[in-house]
Structure formats: structure tokens, C-alpha cells
Amino acid sequence: MLTSIFKTLTYFDLASYPLTREELFVYLWQPPRMRYEDFLLSLRGIVAPAAIPLPLFTEKFGYYFLSGREEVVENRRKKMLISEIKMKAARRAAKKLRAIPFLRAVFVCNSVGAGQATDDSDIDFFIVTAPGRTWIVRFFTNLILRLWGLRTYGNKIKNRICLSFFVDTDHLNLFYLRIAEDDVHFIYWLHQMVPIYDPDSLYDKFLYANSWTENFLPNIKKFSQGGYIRELADSRMGKIWKKSWEKMWQGAYGNLLESQAKQLQMTKMKFSVKEKAKQKDNGVVLGDGVIKLHENDRRSEYRCDWLESSRKN
């Protein structure tokens, strides 16, 4: 279990983020099968004074982290406070988007979703749409957020919304977007989203579709994001508006609009983004049912740093 704990804390140390004992258990990377009670007993034995000559990790104020990294405790407290403030801004933005036709759910991901945001961080949205309507939804979410001055643009990033990921309900399983079998950053990322608009409980379906991650995080089912922030519900008028347009834009006509929305947005998209999509490295994906716009995809960097740090001990 010592190796599992060290690998887990090493990954989270990349973001200077210590874990509580409950989080450590839930996020353990490929641990031996055990109950939480047995884990606590083993953990107490490992961190006990003089348990091992050179301890790899330690505990302070209920947080666990790599030895010699005591400063990450205060760092986490600051990040959690900043993330909570940004989460409120995310909820206000999602409120303006919830009546968009074919939009089914909004999850907050990346640094804010993981509680690791800094003051300058943007707010990343992971958006779920109806089947075959990702480009229509992206068009309207982008338009509305720009009209309200809430969209990231150029150097205007702080507290603004980044529309980094869209999937439809037929493409919830993201297994094929891995960059390696043990794509550590991607696997943790999938479990660090917070649903803020999810009237159809798609978050549970999303986790089920990605249950392949349990091969690496077998305790993850014991974790729930529930209660972090109250989810938005549809307003009565918003629901009527949404259903009316969806009825008009269904079938062949809706497919035509989806195709036109894709062509329009592809025309306006930066050349570098389209070139990145051609590389097939899963950083940028411009498909039917999946739009992933991570030009600066750092998963390989995270994985290399994690593997190198893990080998040192």
C-alpha cells in the first residue's frame, strides 16, 4: 500500500495539493483491495514516528503530503477558497445557458472543478448535449457568453468561461481519448468534475460510461461530489422555450443546421487549432459528437513528471 499512497500523493503534489485521509483512500492509485477501516489502521502505522527511517510522506492538520512539502497545506486552503468563489461565477454563467436547445448538462472541470484554482484561473465547462447537436450547442453557448462578456478572449481569462469540451450523450465514454494506458491526469480529471446544471442526472451516466477508470482507482465509487454546490433547475419558461425549438429542429432539418453550424465554426476557428486536430494526439478533437479544444494539452507532461518523481523513491 505504501507504493500506492506515494504514487497518489506524488500526482497531487504536481498541483501542490495535499489530501485528507478520506480523499487519499478514494483517490488511491491501484491499491490493494481493502476496507476503509483497514486502510486507516495501515495509514496510522506508516505515518507513526520512526515507523520508517526516511518517511516518504507526512501529515499535518489532517492533510497528507510528500515529506518536506508542508507549504502545500496553506496553499490548498487558498485554492479551495478561490475555487468556491469561481464556482459561484460558474453557476451564474450556466444559468444564462440552461435554456439553449439541446443542451443537457454543464459540469465544471479542470482547476475549478478540482478545487485547485488560482486567482488568475479561468472557469472550464464540460458540456453535454443531445445526440448529434454538439455544434449547435457550441454556437449558442459561445454567442451568449460573448454577449454577456463572460467568454475567455485573448488575454481576458480570469474568471471567464472557457468552453473547452463538448460531448453528446452518445459519446460519454472517453476511453479512446487517452494518450496512454495509464493516462494519470486524464483519469483523475474525469473524476474531478462538478455538475452545476444536470436535470437528467447525466453525471451518474457519465461516470458509469467511464467505469474503466476503476481499474486504476478502485475506491472511486465511494466518492460523491453531491452537495458541493446546488444544481440549477430549468425555469418554467425556459423549459417551454427549449422544447419548442428542439421540436422544430429535430430530424433532417436539425441535422442540416448542425452541419451548417459546424461549417461556420470551423471556418472561423484558428488555423493552429485545425492543424492540431490533424495530429491525432487527442489534444484537439473536432468530430461529430465530441469537440475537445485543448491546444495546450499537458497530459504527457503530467504523466512524465509523475513517473519520474515516482521512480525517485
C-alpha atoms as a PDB file:
ATOM      1  CA  MET A   1       0.000   0.000   0.000  1.00  0.00           C
ATOM      2  CA  LEU A   2       2.965   2.308   0.619  1.00  0.00           C
ATOM      3  CA  THR A   3       3.698   2.443  -3.124  1.00  0.00           C
ATOM      4  CA  SER A   4       0.073   3.247  -3.914  1.00  0.00           C
ATOM      5  CA  ILE A   5      -0.031   6.075  -1.371  1.00  0.00           C
ATOM      6  CA  PHE A   6       3.230   7.531  -2.623  1.00  0.00           C
ATOM      7  CA  LYS A   7       2.134   7.468  -6.280  1.00  0.00           C
ATOM      8  CA  THR A   8      -1.143   9.142  -5.357  1.00  0.00           C
ATOM      9  CA  LEU A   9       0.451  11.899  -3.302  1.00  0.00           C
ATOM     10  CA  THR A  10       3.115  12.386  -5.964  1.00  0.00           C
ATOM     11  CA  TYR A  11       0.459  13.113  -8.576  1.00  0.00           C
ATOM     12  CA  PHE A  12      -1.396  15.610  -6.387  1.00  0.00           C
ATOM     13  CA  ASP A  13       1.899  17.213  -5.370  1.00  0.00           C
ATOM     14  CA  LEU A  14       2.264  18.321  -9.006  1.00  0.00           C
ATOM     15  CA  ALA A  15      -0.558  20.747  -8.203  1.00  0.00           C
ATOM     16  CA  SER A  16       0.713  21.407  -4.649  1.00  0.00           C
ATOM     17  CA  TYR A  17      -2.479  19.864  -3.330  1.00  0.00           C
ATOM     18  CA  PRO A  18      -2.495  17.734  -0.138  1.00  0.00           C
ATOM     19  CA  LEU A  19      -5.275  15.248   0.574  1.00  0.00           C
ATOM     20  CA  THR A  20      -7.407  14.397   3.570  1.00  0.00           C
ATOM     21  CA  ARG A  21      -7.320  10.768   4.641  1.00  0.00           C
ATOM     22  CA  GLU A  22     -10.763  10.202   3.077  1.00  0.00           C
ATOM     23  CA  GLU A  23      -9.619  11.702  -0.231  1.00  0.00           C
ATOM     24  CA  LEU A  24      -6.387   9.719  -0.101  1.00  0.00           C
ATOM     25  CA  PHE A  25      -8.338   6.479   0.242  1.00  0.00           C
ATOM     26  CA  VAL A  26     -10.749   7.352  -2.559  1.00  0.00           C
ATOM     27  CA  TYR A  27      -8.015   8.521  -4.943  1.00  0.00           C
ATOM     28  CA  LEU A  28      -5.520   5.708  -4.220  1.00  0.00           C
ATOM     29  CA  TRP A  29      -3.787   4.687  -7.430  1.00  0.00           C
ATOM     30  CA  GLN A  30      -4.084   0.922  -7.983  1.00  0.00           C
ATOM     31  CA  PRO A  31      -4.127  -0.007  -4.276  1.00  0.00           C
ATOM     32  CA  PRO A  32      -4.530  -3.480  -2.806  1.00  0.00           C
ATOM     33  CA  ARG A  33      -8.144  -4.317  -2.072  1.00  0.00           C
ATOM     34  CA  MET A  34      -9.050  -3.292   1.470  1.00  0.00           C
ATOM     35  CA  ARG A  35     -11.776  -1.706   3.570  1.00  0.00           C
ATOM     36  CA  TYR A  36     -11.539   1.901   4.662  1.00  0.00           C
ATOM     37  CA  GLU A  37     -11.107   0.836   8.291  1.00  0.00           C
ATOM     38  CA  ASP A  38      -8.125  -1.358   7.398  1.00  0.00           C
ATOM     39  CA  PHE A  39      -6.668   1.486   5.340  1.00  0.00           C
ATOM     40  CA  LEU A  40      -6.810   3.808   8.354  1.00  0.00           C
ATOM     41  CA  LEU A  41      -5.018   1.293  10.530  1.00  0.00           C
ATOM     42  CA  SER A  42      -2.268   0.870   7.957  1.00  0.00           C
ATOM     43  CA  LEU A  43      -2.008   4.611   7.425  1.00  0.00           C
ATOM     44  CA  ARG A  44      -1.551   5.281  11.141  1.00  0.00           C
ATOM     45  CA  GLY A  45       1.210   2.697  11.262  1.00  0.00           C
ATOM     46  CA  ILE A  46       3.026   4.198   8.282  1.00  0.00           C
ATOM     47  CA  VAL A  47       2.992   7.811   9.480  1.00  0.00           C
ATOM     48  CA  ALA A  48       3.758   6.949  13.109  1.00  0.00           C
ATOM     49  CA  PRO A  49       7.030   8.489  14.410  1.00  0.00           C
ATOM     50  CA  ALA A  50      10.050   6.377  13.474  1.00  0.00           C
ATOM     51  CA  ALA A  51       7.837   3.963  11.545  1.00  0.00           C
ATOM     52  CA  ILE A  52      10.337   4.147   8.709  1.00  0.00           C
ATOM     53  CA  PRO A  53      13.758   5.868   8.756  1.00  0.00           C
ATOM     54  CA  LEU A  54      13.066   8.309   5.894  1.00  0.00           C
ATOM     55  CA  PRO A  55       9.284   8.834   5.559  1.00  0.00           C
ATOM     56  CA  LEU A  56       8.064   9.491   2.031  1.00  0.00           C
ATOM     57  CA  PHE A  57       5.053  11.437   3.223  1.00  0.00           C
ATOM     58  CA  THR A  58       3.679  13.011   6.357  1.00  0.00           C
ATOM     59  CA  GLU A  59       0.523  14.558   7.871  1.00  0.00           C
ATOM     60  CA  LYS A  60      -0.322  17.998   9.174  1.00  0.00           C
ATOM     61  CA  PHE A  61      -3.697  19.426  10.226  1.00  0.00           C
ATOM     62  CA  GLY A  62      -5.416  16.365   8.767  1.00  0.00           C
ATOM     63  CA  TYR A  63      -3.753  16.646   5.351  1.00  0.00           C
ATOM     64  CA  TYR A  64      -1.291  14.177   3.835  1.00  0.00           C
ATOM     65  CA  PHE A  65       1.532  15.230   1.511  1.00  0.00           C
ATOM     66  CA  LEU A  66       5.073  14.366   0.449  1.00  0.00           C
ATOM     67  CA  SER A  67       7.696  14.945   3.121  1.00  0.00           C
ATOM     68  CA  GLY A  68       9.267  18.392   3.051  1.00  0.00           C
ATOM     69  CA  ARG A  69       6.232  19.965   1.397  1.00  0.00           C
ATOM     70  CA  GLU A  70       4.445  21.463   4.422  1.00  0.00           C
ATOM     71  CA  GLU A  71       3.644  24.664   2.498  1.00  0.00           C
ATOM     72  CA  VAL A  72       1.073  22.854   0.366  1.00  0.00           C
ATOM     73  CA  VAL A  73      -1.378  22.785   3.289  1.00  0.00           C
ATOM     74  CA  GLU A  74      -1.866  26.546   3.302  1.00  0.00           C
ATOM     75  CA  ASN A  75      -1.730  26.513  -0.478  1.00  0.00           C
ATOM     76  CA  ARG A  76      -4.720  24.161  -0.588  1.00  0.00           C
ATOM     77  CA  ARG A  77      -6.769  26.354   1.735  1.00  0.00           C
ATOM     78  CA  LYS A  78      -6.214  29.357  -0.517  1.00  0.00           C
ATOM     79  CA  LYS A  79      -7.068  27.394  -3.650  1.00  0.00           C
ATOM     80  CA  MET A  80     -10.253  25.984  -2.144  1.00  0.00           C
ATOM     81  CA  LEU A  81     -11.481  29.467  -1.227  1.00  0.00           C
ATOM     82  CA  ILE A  82     -10.686  30.823  -4.691  1.00  0.00           C
ATOM     83  CA  SER A  83     -12.367  27.821  -6.326  1.00  0.00           C
ATOM     84  CA  GLU A  84     -15.539  28.294  -4.284  1.00  0.00           C
ATOM     85  CA  ILE A  85     -15.778  31.924  -5.404  1.00  0.00           C
ATOM     86  CA  LYS A  86     -15.245  30.946  -9.033  1.00  0.00           C
ATOM     87  CA  MET A  87     -17.826  28.179  -8.715  1.00  0.00           C
ATOM     88  CA  LYS A  88     -20.442  30.793  -7.894  1.00  0.00           C
ATOM     89  CA  ALA A  89     -19.474  32.666 -11.068  1.00  0.00           C
ATOM     90  CA  ALA A  90     -19.758  29.392 -12.994  1.00  0.00           C
ATOM     91  CA  ARG A  91     -23.271  28.869 -11.696  1.00  0.00           C
ATOM     92  CA  ARG A  92     -24.309  32.386 -12.772  1.00  0.00           C
ATOM     93  CA  ALA A  93     -22.941  31.740 -16.251  1.00  0.00           C
ATOM     94  CA  ALA A  94     -24.652  28.346 -16.524  1.00  0.00           C
ATOM     95  CA  LYS A  95     -27.926  29.991 -15.576  1.00  0.00           C
ATOM     96  CA  LYS A  96     -27.725  32.004 -18.790  1.00  0.00           C
ATOM     97  CA  LEU A  97     -27.094  28.867 -20.847  1.00  0.00           C
ATOM     98  CA  ARG A  98     -29.602  26.357 -19.477  1.00  0.00           C
ATOM     99  CA  ALA A  99     -32.386  27.255 -21.960  1.00  0.00           C
ATOM    100  CA  ILE A 100     -30.206  26.601 -25.030  1.00  0.00           C
ATOM    101  CA  PRO A 101     -31.869  23.955 -27.231  1.00  0.00           C
ATOM    102  CA  PHE A 102     -30.249  20.508 -26.961  1.00  0.00           C
ATOM    103  CA  LEU A 103     -28.032  21.466 -24.007  1.00  0.00           C
ATOM    104  CA  ARG A 104     -28.365  18.674 -21.464  1.00  0.00           C
ATOM    105  CA  ALA A 105     -25.761  19.305 -18.735  1.00  0.00           C
ATOM    106  CA  VAL A 106     -22.945  21.598 -17.627  1.00  0.00           C
ATOM    107  CA  PHE A 107     -20.069  20.304 -15.499  1.00  0.00           C
ATOM    108  CA  VAL A 108     -17.234  22.442 -14.168  1.00  0.00           C
ATOM    109  CA  CYS A 109     -13.878  20.773 -14.830  1.00  0.00           C
ATOM    110  CA  ASN A 110     -10.126  21.424 -14.683  1.00  0.00           C
ATOM    111  CA  SER A 111      -8.719  23.592 -11.864  1.00  0.00           C
ATOM    112  CA  VAL A 112     -12.014  24.988 -10.541  1.00  0.00           C
ATOM    113  CA  GLY A 113     -13.762  21.612 -10.559  1.00  0.00           C
ATOM    114  CA  ALA A 114     -10.795  20.057  -8.737  1.00  0.00           C
ATOM    115  CA  GLY A 115     -10.677  22.867  -6.163  1.00  0.00           C
ATOM    116  CA  GLN A 116      -7.200  23.846  -7.381  1.00  0.00           C
ATOM    117  CA  ALA A 117      -7.860  27.229  -8.991  1.00  0.00           C
ATOM    118  CA  THR A 118      -5.551  30.212  -8.621  1.00  0.00           C
ATOM    119  CA  ASP A 119      -6.691  33.817  -8.660  1.00  0.00           C
ATOM    120  CA  ASP A 120      -5.974  34.150 -12.401  1.00  0.00           C
ATOM    121  CA  SER A 121      -7.674  30.896 -13.422  1.00  0.00           C
ATOM    122  CA  ASP A 122     -10.459  30.750 -15.954  1.00  0.00           C
ATOM    123  CA  ILE A 123     -13.512  28.512 -15.468  1.00  0.00           C
ATOM    124  CA  ASP A 124     -13.689  25.460 -17.735  1.00  0.00           C
ATOM    125  CA  PHE A 125     -17.045  24.000 -18.761  1.00  0.00           C
ATOM    126  CA  PHE A 126     -17.622  20.410 -19.857  1.00  0.00           C
ATOM    127  CA  ILE A 127     -20.929  20.476 -21.724  1.00  0.00           C
ATOM    128  CA  VAL A 128     -23.169  17.531 -22.592  1.00  0.00           C
ATOM    129  CA  THR A 129     -25.605  17.843 -25.490  1.00  0.00           C
ATOM    130  CA  ALA A 130     -28.339  15.833 -27.149  1.00  0.00           C
ATOM    131  CA  PRO A 131     -27.089  13.310 -29.754  1.00  0.00           C
ATOM    132  CA  GLY A 132     -25.750  14.933 -32.903  1.00  0.00           C
ATOM    133  CA  ARG A 133     -26.183  18.510 -31.705  1.00  0.00           C
ATOM    134  CA  THR A 134     -22.785  19.482 -30.252  1.00  0.00           C
ATOM    135  CA  TRP A 135     -22.028  22.149 -32.860  1.00  0.00           C
ATOM    136  CA  ILE A 136     -25.425  23.848 -32.486  1.00  0.00           C
ATOM    137  CA  VAL A 137     -24.975  23.978 -28.721  1.00  0.00           C
ATOM    138  CA  ARG A 138     -21.425  25.287 -29.020  1.00  0.00           C
ATOM    139  CA  PHE A 139     -22.597  28.043 -31.369  1.00  0.00           C
ATOM    140  CA  PHE A 140     -25.219  29.325 -28.922  1.00  0.00           C
ATOM    141  CA  THR A 141     -23.130  28.909 -25.754  1.00  0.00           C
ATOM    142  CA  ASN A 142     -20.297  30.842 -27.381  1.00  0.00           C
ATOM    143  CA  LEU A 143     -22.687  33.551 -28.628  1.00  0.00           C
ATOM    144  CA  ILE A 144     -24.449  34.052 -25.295  1.00  0.00           C
ATOM    145  CA  LEU A 145     -21.272  34.134 -23.218  1.00  0.00           C
ATOM    146  CA  ARG A 146     -19.681  36.632 -25.588  1.00  0.00           C
ATOM    147  CA  LEU A 147     -22.748  38.874 -25.455  1.00  0.00           C
ATOM    148  CA  TRP A 148     -22.519  38.902 -21.658  1.00  0.00           C
ATOM    149  CA  GLY A 149     -18.743  39.391 -21.689  1.00  0.00           C
ATOM    150  CA  LEU A 150     -18.211  36.082 -19.891  1.00  0.00           C
ATOM    151  CA  ARG A 151     -16.209  34.157 -22.510  1.00  0.00           C
ATOM    152  CA  THR A 152     -12.425  33.885 -22.452  1.00  0.00           C
ATOM    153  CA  TYR A 153     -10.959  36.037 -25.186  1.00  0.00           C
ATOM    154  CA  GLY A 154      -7.290  36.754 -25.875  1.00  0.00           C
ATOM    155  CA  ASN A 155      -5.655  37.725 -22.591  1.00  0.00           C
ATOM    156  CA  LYS A 156      -9.022  38.125 -20.890  1.00  0.00           C
ATOM    157  CA  ILE A 157      -9.059  34.858 -18.963  1.00  0.00           C
ATOM    158  CA  LYS A 158      -9.520  35.497 -15.239  1.00  0.00           C
ATOM    159  CA  ASN A 159     -12.974  34.407 -14.020  1.00  0.00           C
ATOM    160  CA  ARG A 160     -14.217  33.929 -17.590  1.00  0.00           C
ATOM    161  CA  ILE A 161     -15.705  30.781 -19.078  1.00  0.00           C
ATOM    162  CA  CYS A 162     -13.623  28.509 -21.284  1.00  0.00           C
ATOM    163  CA  LEU A 163     -15.712  26.233 -23.498  1.00  0.00           C
ATOM    164  CA  SER A 164     -13.096  23.520 -23.678  1.00  0.00           C
ATOM    165  CA  PHE A 165     -15.090  20.306 -24.075  1.00  0.00           C
ATOM    166  CA  PHE A 166     -18.427  19.239 -25.620  1.00  0.00           C
ATOM    167  CA  VAL A 167     -19.766  15.697 -25.905  1.00  0.00           C
ATOM    168  CA  ASP A 168     -23.197  14.381 -26.795  1.00  0.00           C
ATOM    169  CA  THR A 169     -24.965  11.683 -24.823  1.00  0.00           C
ATOM    170  CA  ASP A 170     -23.845   9.032 -27.333  1.00  0.00           C
ATOM    171  CA  HIS A 171     -20.169   9.795 -26.635  1.00  0.00           C
ATOM    172  CA  LEU A 172     -19.909   9.854 -22.846  1.00  0.00           C
ATOM    173  CA  ASN A 173     -17.236   7.147 -22.766  1.00  0.00           C
ATOM    174  CA  LEU A 174     -13.911   8.954 -23.262  1.00  0.00           C
ATOM    175  CA  PHE A 175     -11.733   5.840 -23.136  1.00  0.00           C
ATOM    176  CA  TYR A 176     -10.435   6.368 -26.673  1.00  0.00           C
ATOM    177  CA  LEU A 177      -9.133   9.853 -25.841  1.00  0.00           C
ATOM    178  CA  ARG A 178      -6.390   8.521 -23.549  1.00  0.00           C
ATOM    179  CA  ILE A 179      -2.786   9.250 -24.515  1.00  0.00           C
ATOM    180  CA  ALA A 180      -1.537   6.130 -22.697  1.00  0.00           C
ATOM    181  CA  GLU A 181      -2.992   3.195 -20.804  1.00  0.00           C
ATOM    182  CA  ASP A 182      -2.105   4.873 -17.503  1.00  0.00           C
ATOM    183  CA  ASP A 183      -3.096   8.407 -18.539  1.00  0.00           C
ATOM    184  CA  VAL A 184      -2.971   9.519 -14.919  1.00  0.00           C
ATOM    185  CA  HIS A 185      -4.018  13.151 -15.400  1.00  0.00           C
ATOM    186  CA  PHE A 186      -6.955  12.230 -17.628  1.00  0.00           C
ATOM    187  CA  ILE A 187      -8.164   9.514 -15.259  1.00  0.00           C
ATOM    188  CA  TYR A 188      -8.172  11.824 -12.250  1.00  0.00           C
ATOM    189  CA  TRP A 189      -9.618  14.671 -14.346  1.00  0.00           C
ATOM    190  CA  LEU A 190     -12.649  12.562 -15.242  1.00  0.00           C
ATOM    191  CA  HIS A 191     -13.495  12.250 -11.544  1.00  0.00           C
ATOM    192  CA  GLN A 192     -12.923  15.871 -10.595  1.00  0.00           C
ATOM    193  CA  MET A 193     -15.882  17.466 -12.343  1.00  0.00           C
ATOM    194  CA  VAL A 194     -18.733  19.203 -10.553  1.00  0.00           C
ATOM    195  CA  PRO A 195     -22.226  19.153 -12.117  1.00  0.00           C
ATOM    196  CA  ILE A 196     -23.917  22.554 -11.828  1.00  0.00           C
ATOM    197  CA  TYR A 197     -26.708  22.002 -14.361  1.00  0.00           C
ATOM    198  CA  ASP A 198     -27.816  18.392 -14.737  1.00  0.00           C
ATOM    199  CA  PRO A 199     -31.619  17.934 -14.745  1.00  0.00           C
ATOM    200  CA  ASP A 200     -31.376  14.443 -16.285  1.00  0.00           C
ATOM    201  CA  SER A 201     -28.694  13.126 -13.882  1.00  0.00           C
ATOM    202  CA  LEU A 202     -26.208  12.662 -16.712  1.00  0.00           C
ATOM    203  CA  TYR A 203     -23.281  12.946 -14.310  1.00  0.00           C
ATOM    204  CA  ASP A 204     -24.018   9.471 -12.964  1.00  0.00           C
ATOM    205  CA  LYS A 205     -24.310   8.131 -16.528  1.00  0.00           C
ATOM    206  CA  PHE A 206     -21.032   9.824 -17.426  1.00  0.00           C
ATOM    207  CA  LEU A 207     -19.222   8.140 -14.523  1.00  0.00           C
ATOM    208  CA  TYR A 208     -20.767   4.787 -15.415  1.00  0.00           C
ATOM    209  CA  ALA A 209     -19.688   5.174 -19.046  1.00  0.00           C
ATOM    210  CA  ASN A 210     -16.142   5.764 -17.813  1.00  0.00           C
ATOM    211  CA  SER A 211     -16.092   2.981 -15.245  1.00  0.00           C
ATOM    212  CA  TRP A 212     -12.940   1.670 -16.973  1.00  0.00           C
ATOM    213  CA  THR A 213     -11.101   4.162 -14.730  1.00  0.00           C
ATOM    214  CA  GLU A 214     -11.883   1.921 -11.755  1.00  0.00           C
ATOM    215  CA  ASN A 215      -9.051  -0.345 -12.923  1.00  0.00           C
ATOM    216  CA  PHE A 216      -6.775   2.419 -11.641  1.00  0.00           C
ATOM    217  CA  LEU A 217      -8.996   3.967  -8.957  1.00  0.00           C
ATOM    218  CA  PRO A 218     -10.965   1.071  -7.457  1.00  0.00           C
ATOM    219  CA  ASN A 219     -12.161   3.130  -4.466  1.00  0.00           C
ATOM    220  CA  ILE A 220     -13.526   5.980  -6.560  1.00  0.00           C
ATOM    221  CA  LYS A 221     -17.160   4.834  -6.318  1.00  0.00           C
ATOM    222  CA  LYS A 222     -17.107   5.811  -2.661  1.00  0.00           C
ATOM    223  CA  PHE A 223     -16.689   9.447  -3.657  1.00  0.00           C
ATOM    224  CA  SER A 224     -19.547  11.843  -4.375  1.00  0.00           C
ATOM    225  CA  GLN A 225     -19.471  15.467  -5.480  1.00  0.00           C
ATOM    226  CA  GLY A 226     -23.019  15.908  -4.235  1.00  0.00           C
ATOM    227  CA  GLY A 227     -23.665  18.868  -2.017  1.00  0.00           C
ATOM    228  CA  TYR A 228     -20.685  20.899  -3.263  1.00  0.00           C
ATOM    229  CA  ILE A 229     -22.994  23.374  -4.926  1.00  0.00           C
ATOM    230  CA  ARG A 230     -26.721  23.366  -5.554  1.00  0.00           C
ATOM    231  CA  GLU A 231     -27.511  22.374  -9.131  1.00  0.00           C
ATOM    232  CA  LEU A 232     -29.571  24.644 -11.330  1.00  0.00           C
ATOM    233  CA  ALA A 233     -33.067  23.631 -12.391  1.00  0.00           C
ATOM    234  CA  ASP A 234     -34.899  24.643 -15.551  1.00  0.00           C
ATOM    235  CA  SER A 235     -37.261  27.576 -15.257  1.00  0.00           C
ATOM    236  CA  ARG A 236     -40.810  27.002 -16.482  1.00  0.00           C
ATOM    237  CA  MET A 237     -40.499  29.430 -19.395  1.00  0.00           C
ATOM    238  CA  GLY A 238     -37.001  28.219 -20.203  1.00  0.00           C
ATOM    239  CA  LYS A 239     -38.220  24.647 -20.448  1.00  0.00           C
ATOM    240  CA  ILE A 240     -41.045  25.641 -22.806  1.00  0.00           C
ATOM    241  CA  TRP A 241     -38.649  27.693 -24.956  1.00  0.00           C
ATOM    242  CA  LYS A 242     -36.159  24.847 -25.108  1.00  0.00           C
ATOM    243  CA  LYS A 243     -38.659  22.155 -26.028  1.00  0.00           C
ATOM    244  CA  SER A 244     -40.270  24.339 -28.708  1.00  0.00           C
ATOM    245  CA  TRP A 245     -37.011  24.927 -30.568  1.00  0.00           C
ATOM    246  CA  GLU A 246     -35.928  21.316 -30.170  1.00  0.00           C
ATOM    247  CA  LYS A 247     -39.160  20.171 -31.739  1.00  0.00           C
ATOM    248  CA  MET A 248     -38.667  22.490 -34.711  1.00  0.00           C
ATOM    249  CA  TRP A 249     -35.012  21.493 -35.109  1.00  0.00           C
ATOM    250  CA  GLN A 250     -35.382  17.747 -34.920  1.00  0.00           C
ATOM    251  CA  GLY A 251     -34.835  15.230 -37.693  1.00  0.00           C
ATOM    252  CA  ALA A 252     -33.351  16.099 -41.082  1.00  0.00           C
ATOM    253  CA  TYR A 253     -33.746  19.849 -40.628  1.00  0.00           C
ATOM    254  CA  GLY A 254     -31.877  19.729 -37.353  1.00  0.00           C
ATOM    255  CA  ASN A 255     -29.134  17.662 -38.979  1.00  0.00           C
ATOM    256  CA  LEU A 256     -28.800  20.335 -41.658  1.00  0.00           C
ATOM    257  CA  LEU A 257     -28.479  23.067 -39.027  1.00  0.00           C
ATOM    258  CA  GLU A 258     -25.881  21.007 -37.178  1.00  0.00           C
ATOM    259  CA  SER A 259     -23.848  20.648 -40.365  1.00  0.00           C
ATOM    260  CA  GLN A 260     -24.105  24.370 -41.093  1.00  0.00           C
ATOM    261  CA  ALA A 261     -23.152  25.272 -37.520  1.00  0.00           C
ATOM    262  CA  LYS A 262     -20.081  23.046 -37.787  1.00  0.00           C
ATOM    263  CA  GLN A 263     -19.017  24.543 -41.122  1.00  0.00           C
ATOM    264  CA  LEU A 264     -19.455  28.094 -39.828  1.00  0.00           C
ATOM    265  CA  GLN A 265     -17.438  27.483 -36.684  1.00  0.00           C
ATOM    266  CA  MET A 266     -14.736  25.524 -38.481  1.00  0.00           C
ATOM    267  CA  THR A 267     -14.337  28.438 -40.890  1.00  0.00           C
ATOM    268  CA  LYS A 268     -13.824  30.888 -38.024  1.00  0.00           C
ATOM    269  CA  MET A 269     -11.621  28.576 -35.976  1.00  0.00           C
ATOM    270  CA  LYS A 270      -7.917  29.373 -35.705  1.00  0.00           C
ATOM    271  CA  PHE A 271      -5.668  27.637 -38.196  1.00  0.00           C
ATOM    272  CA  SER A 272      -3.500  26.312 -35.340  1.00  0.00           C
ATOM    273  CA  VAL A 273      -6.497  24.574 -33.781  1.00  0.00           C
ATOM    274  CA  LYS A 274      -7.426  22.797 -37.013  1.00  0.00           C
ATOM    275  CA  GLU A 275      -3.827  21.778 -37.585  1.00  0.00           C
ATOM    276  CA  LYS A 276      -3.625  20.426 -34.039  1.00  0.00           C
ATOM    277  CA  ALA A 277      -6.719  18.299 -34.677  1.00  0.00           C
ATOM    278  CA  LYS A 278      -4.963  16.672 -37.646  1.00  0.00           C
ATOM    279  CA  GLN A 279      -2.162  15.416 -35.391  1.00  0.00           C
ATOM    280  CA  LYS A 280      -4.483  12.827 -33.829  1.00  0.00           C
ATOM    281  CA  ASP A 281      -2.872  13.182 -30.408  1.00  0.00           C
ATOM    282  CA  ASN A 282      -6.257  13.652 -28.701  1.00  0.00           C
ATOM    283  CA  GLY A 283      -5.414  17.187 -27.612  1.00  0.00           C
ATOM    284  CA  VAL A 284      -7.837  18.746 -30.069  1.00  0.00           C
ATOM    285  CA  VAL A 285     -10.780  16.743 -31.415  1.00  0.00           C
ATOM    286  CA  LEU A 286     -13.248  18.238 -33.896  1.00  0.00           C
ATOM    287  CA  GLY A 287     -15.735  15.499 -34.561  1.00  0.00           C
ATOM    288  CA  ASP A 288     -19.406  14.701 -34.651  1.00  0.00           C
ATOM    289  CA  GLY A 289     -20.385  14.176 -31.046  1.00  0.00           C
ATOM    290  CA  VAL A 290     -17.094  15.311 -29.498  1.00  0.00           C
ATOM    291  CA  ILE A 291     -15.419  18.727 -29.520  1.00  0.00           C
ATOM    292  CA  LYS A 292     -12.251  18.925 -27.429  1.00  0.00           C
ATOM    293  CA  LEU A 293     -10.251  22.138 -27.611  1.00  0.00           C
ATOM    294  CA  HIS A 294      -7.121  21.626 -25.520  1.00  0.00           C
ATOM    295  CA  GLU A 295      -4.367  23.089 -27.683  1.00  0.00           C
ATOM    296  CA  ASN A 296      -2.023  23.063 -24.717  1.00  0.00           C
ATOM    297  CA  ASP A 297      -2.831  19.539 -23.587  1.00  0.00           C
ATOM    298  CA  ARG A 298      -0.390  18.892 -20.732  1.00  0.00           C
ATOM    299  CA  ARG A 299      -1.257  15.262 -20.050  1.00  0.00           C
ATOM    300  CA  SER A 300       2.026  13.928 -21.408  1.00  0.00           C
ATOM    301  CA  GLU A 301       3.914  16.437 -19.270  1.00  0.00           C
ATOM    302  CA  TYR A 302       1.960  15.458 -16.148  1.00  0.00           C
ATOM    303  CA  ARG A 303       2.495  11.764 -16.827  1.00  0.00           C
ATOM    304  CA  CYS A 304       6.236  12.144 -17.413  1.00  0.00           C
ATOM    305  CA  ASP A 305       6.684  14.252 -14.260  1.00  0.00           C
ATOM    306  CA  TRP A 306       4.620  11.801 -12.253  1.00  0.00           C
ATOM    307  CA  LEU A 307       6.532   8.762 -13.495  1.00  0.00           C
ATOM    308  CA  GLU A 308       9.891  10.418 -12.936  1.00  0.00           C
ATOM    309  CA  SER A 309       9.013  11.530  -9.401  1.00  0.00           C
ATOM    310  CA  SER A 310       7.598   8.109  -8.570  1.00  0.00           C
ATOM    311  CA  ARG A 311      10.807   6.391  -9.659  1.00  0.00           C
ATOM    312  CA  LYS A 312      12.982   8.577  -7.433  1.00  0.00           C
ATOM    313  CA  ASN A 313      11.777   6.688  -4.424  1.00  0.00           C
END
